[in-house]
Protein backbone atom coordinates (compact mmCIF):
# COMPACT_ATOMS: atom_id res chain seq x y z
CA MET A 1 -39.44 51.83 -22.70
CA ASN A 2 -36.84 51.04 -25.35
CA GLU A 3 -36.77 54.68 -26.38
CA SER A 4 -36.40 56.34 -22.98
CA ASP A 5 -33.21 58.29 -22.34
CA THR A 6 -32.66 56.50 -19.05
CA TYR A 7 -32.97 53.07 -20.65
CA LEU A 8 -30.57 54.01 -23.46
CA ALA A 9 -28.06 55.46 -20.97
CA ILE A 10 -28.11 52.22 -18.97
CA ILE A 11 -27.57 50.17 -22.13
CA ASP A 12 -24.66 52.41 -23.22
CA GLU A 13 -23.08 52.18 -19.78
CA GLY A 14 -23.21 48.40 -19.94
CA ARG A 15 -21.73 48.39 -23.44
CA GLU A 16 -18.96 50.75 -22.31
CA LYS A 17 -18.03 48.50 -19.39
CA GLN A 18 -18.02 45.40 -21.60
CA VAL A 19 -15.87 46.98 -24.32
CA LYS A 20 -13.35 48.16 -21.70
CA LYS A 21 -13.25 44.64 -20.27
CA ASP A 22 -12.72 43.20 -23.77
CA ILE A 23 -9.92 45.69 -24.57
CA LEU A 24 -8.10 44.81 -21.35
CA ARG A 25 -8.57 41.07 -21.90
CA LEU A 26 -7.42 41.09 -25.53
CA GLY A 27 -4.67 43.60 -24.76
CA LYS A 28 -3.33 41.26 -22.09
CA ARG A 29 -3.15 38.44 -24.63
CA ARG A 30 -1.54 40.69 -27.25
CA PHE A 31 0.82 42.85 -25.15
CA GLY A 32 0.88 41.31 -21.68
CA PRO A 33 -0.80 42.76 -18.60
CA ALA A 34 -1.60 46.47 -18.82
CA ASP A 35 0.36 48.68 -16.47
CA GLN A 36 -1.63 50.87 -14.10
CA THR A 37 -1.23 53.94 -16.30
CA ASN A 38 -2.65 52.27 -19.41
CA GLU A 39 -5.43 50.54 -17.49
CA SER A 40 -6.43 53.83 -15.88
CA ALA A 41 -6.35 55.54 -19.29
CA ILE A 42 -8.70 52.91 -20.74
CA GLN A 43 -11.03 53.13 -17.74
CA ALA A 44 -11.17 56.93 -18.14
CA ILE A 45 -12.44 56.78 -21.73
CA THR A 46 -16.19 57.36 -21.88
CA ASP A 47 -16.58 57.74 -25.66
CA LEU A 48 -18.10 54.42 -26.75
CA ASP A 49 -17.18 55.02 -30.40
CA ARG A 50 -13.52 55.48 -29.45
CA LEU A 51 -13.57 52.38 -27.28
CA GLU A 52 -14.95 50.37 -30.18
CA ARG A 53 -12.21 51.77 -32.46
CA LEU A 54 -9.61 50.67 -29.90
CA LEU A 55 -11.11 47.20 -29.84
CA ASP A 56 -11.10 47.03 -33.64
CA LEU A 57 -7.44 48.09 -33.83
CA ILE A 58 -6.03 45.96 -31.03
CA LEU A 59 -4.55 43.40 -33.43
CA ASP A 60 -2.85 46.11 -35.52
CA ALA A 61 -1.28 48.17 -32.72
CA ALA A 62 2.43 47.76 -32.03
CA ASN A 63 1.93 48.14 -28.26
CA GLY A 64 -0.52 49.37 -25.66
CA GLN A 65 0.57 52.98 -25.91
CA ASP A 66 0.20 52.90 -29.69
CA LEU A 67 -3.34 51.63 -29.17
CA LEU A 68 -4.15 54.40 -26.68
CA ASN A 69 -2.97 57.02 -29.20
CA THR A 70 -5.96 56.09 -31.38
CA PRO A 71 -8.28 59.11 -31.50
């Protein structure tokens, strides 16, 4: 079961949701609450690798928009 495409998709979806939640939580502590535009932009990202890069760079970004400019 650990190798099925469905199982892996479910795991990735859960990871994606958690990373988005972490970005928003840490971003709030670093920059203040995200405005609707930035929150929507984060929610629209489906590339898990990019989300993880955003999370890694959150302490180095000057602001939320700078963070969202990360490819």
